[in-house]
């Protein structure tokens, strides 16, 4: 059971890192059009899209990825609490 929690926790952490890198790519012209940027878009945009529909941008700043990362962190803490209750 610990292995499952560890794997799930690691996957959520790496997904959060992927979102952060994808956000940082927007600072560099043409970076999102690269192969790496397109790969990150394919894995992060389906998760970010619902947050963008709910949270409008504040001028030029899109805070929806921050909320999405917070939701991932809450999910990780919730899974940790669930595994503590089980074991």
Protein backbone atom coordinates (compact mmCIF):
# COMPACT_ATOMS: atom_id res chain seq x y z
CA UNK A 1 0.00 0.00 0.00
CA UNK A 2 2.92 2.33 0.72
CA UNK A 3 4.27 1.71 -2.76
CA UNK A 4 0.95 2.72 -4.32
CA UNK A 5 0.81 5.91 -2.26
CA UNK A 6 4.42 6.72 -3.08
CA UNK A 7 3.83 6.17 -6.81
CA UNK A 8 0.65 8.26 -6.84
CA UNK A 9 2.29 11.03 -4.84
CA UNK A 10 5.28 11.09 -7.20
CA UNK A 11 3.03 11.21 -10.27
CA UNK A 12 1.06 14.13 -8.88
CA UNK A 13 4.28 15.98 -8.02
CA UNK A 14 5.70 15.45 -11.54
CA UNK A 15 2.41 16.58 -13.08
CA UNK A 16 2.60 19.78 -11.00
CA UNK A 17 6.16 20.30 -12.28
CA UNK A 18 4.97 19.75 -15.85
CA UNK A 19 2.34 22.46 -15.40
CA UNK A 20 4.94 24.86 -13.99
CA UNK A 21 7.32 24.23 -16.88
CA UNK A 22 4.47 24.66 -19.36
CA UNK A 23 3.62 28.02 -17.77
CA UNK A 24 7.25 29.13 -17.88
CA UNK A 25 7.44 28.25 -21.59
CA UNK A 26 4.98 31.07 -22.27
CA UNK A 27 7.70 33.53 -21.29
CA UNK A 28 9.90 32.47 -24.21
CA UNK A 29 8.80 33.23 -27.78
CA UNK A 30 8.15 30.08 -29.78
CA UNK A 31 8.87 27.71 -26.90
CA UNK A 32 5.34 26.31 -26.79
CA UNK A 33 5.54 25.52 -30.51
CA UNK A 34 8.59 23.30 -30.00
CA UNK A 35 8.19 19.54 -29.73
CA UNK A 36 8.66 19.67 -25.96
CA UNK A 37 6.14 22.50 -25.63
CA UNK A 38 3.58 20.61 -27.70
CA UNK A 39 4.10 17.49 -25.58
CA UNK A 40 3.52 19.49 -22.39
CA UNK A 41 0.43 21.09 -23.96
CA UNK A 42 -1.02 17.65 -24.75
CA UNK A 43 -0.63 16.45 -21.16
CA UNK A 44 -1.49 19.66 -19.27
CA UNK A 45 -4.15 21.47 -21.33
CA UNK A 46 -6.93 18.91 -20.69
CA UNK A 47 -6.47 19.49 -16.95
CA UNK A 48 -6.03 23.28 -17.18
CA UNK A 49 -8.97 23.91 -19.53
CA UNK A 50 -11.77 23.53 -16.93
CA UNK A 51 -9.95 25.91 -14.58
CA UNK A 52 -9.61 28.48 -17.39
CA UNK A 53 -13.36 28.28 -18.04
CA UNK A 54 -14.12 29.01 -14.38
CA UNK A 55 -11.42 31.58 -13.59
CA UNK A 56 -11.09 34.47 -16.06
CA UNK A 57 -7.66 36.05 -16.61
CA UNK A 58 -6.83 39.16 -14.63
CA UNK A 59 -5.67 41.44 -17.40
CA UNK A 60 -2.63 39.74 -18.91
CA UNK A 61 -2.22 37.33 -15.98
CA UNK A 62 -3.81 33.88 -16.04
CA UNK A 63 -4.07 32.60 -12.46
CA UNK A 64 -5.95 29.41 -13.36
CA UNK A 65 -2.75 27.28 -13.45
CA UNK A 66 -2.00 28.35 -9.88
CA UNK A 67 -5.45 27.20 -8.79
CA UNK A 68 -4.97 23.96 -10.75
CA UNK A 69 -1.68 23.28 -8.96
CA UNK A 70 -3.33 24.01 -5.60
CA UNK A 71 -6.06 21.51 -6.48
CA UNK A 72 -3.39 18.90 -7.23
CA UNK A 73 -1.75 19.61 -3.89
CA UNK A 74 -5.07 19.27 -2.06
CA UNK A 75 -5.65 15.97 -3.86
CA UNK A 76 -2.22 14.78 -2.79
CA UNK A 77 -2.91 15.70 0.85
CA UNK A 78 -6.32 14.06 0.66
CA UNK A 79 -4.80 10.84 -0.67
CA UNK A 80 -2.17 10.95 2.08
CA UNK A 81 -4.89 11.32 4.72
CA UNK A 82 -6.85 8.47 3.18
CA UNK A 83 -3.85 6.17 3.22
CA UNK A 84 -3.13 7.09 6.84
CA UNK A 85 -6.69 6.15 7.77
CA UNK A 86 -6.40 2.83 5.93
CA UNK A 87 -3.08 1.80 7.46
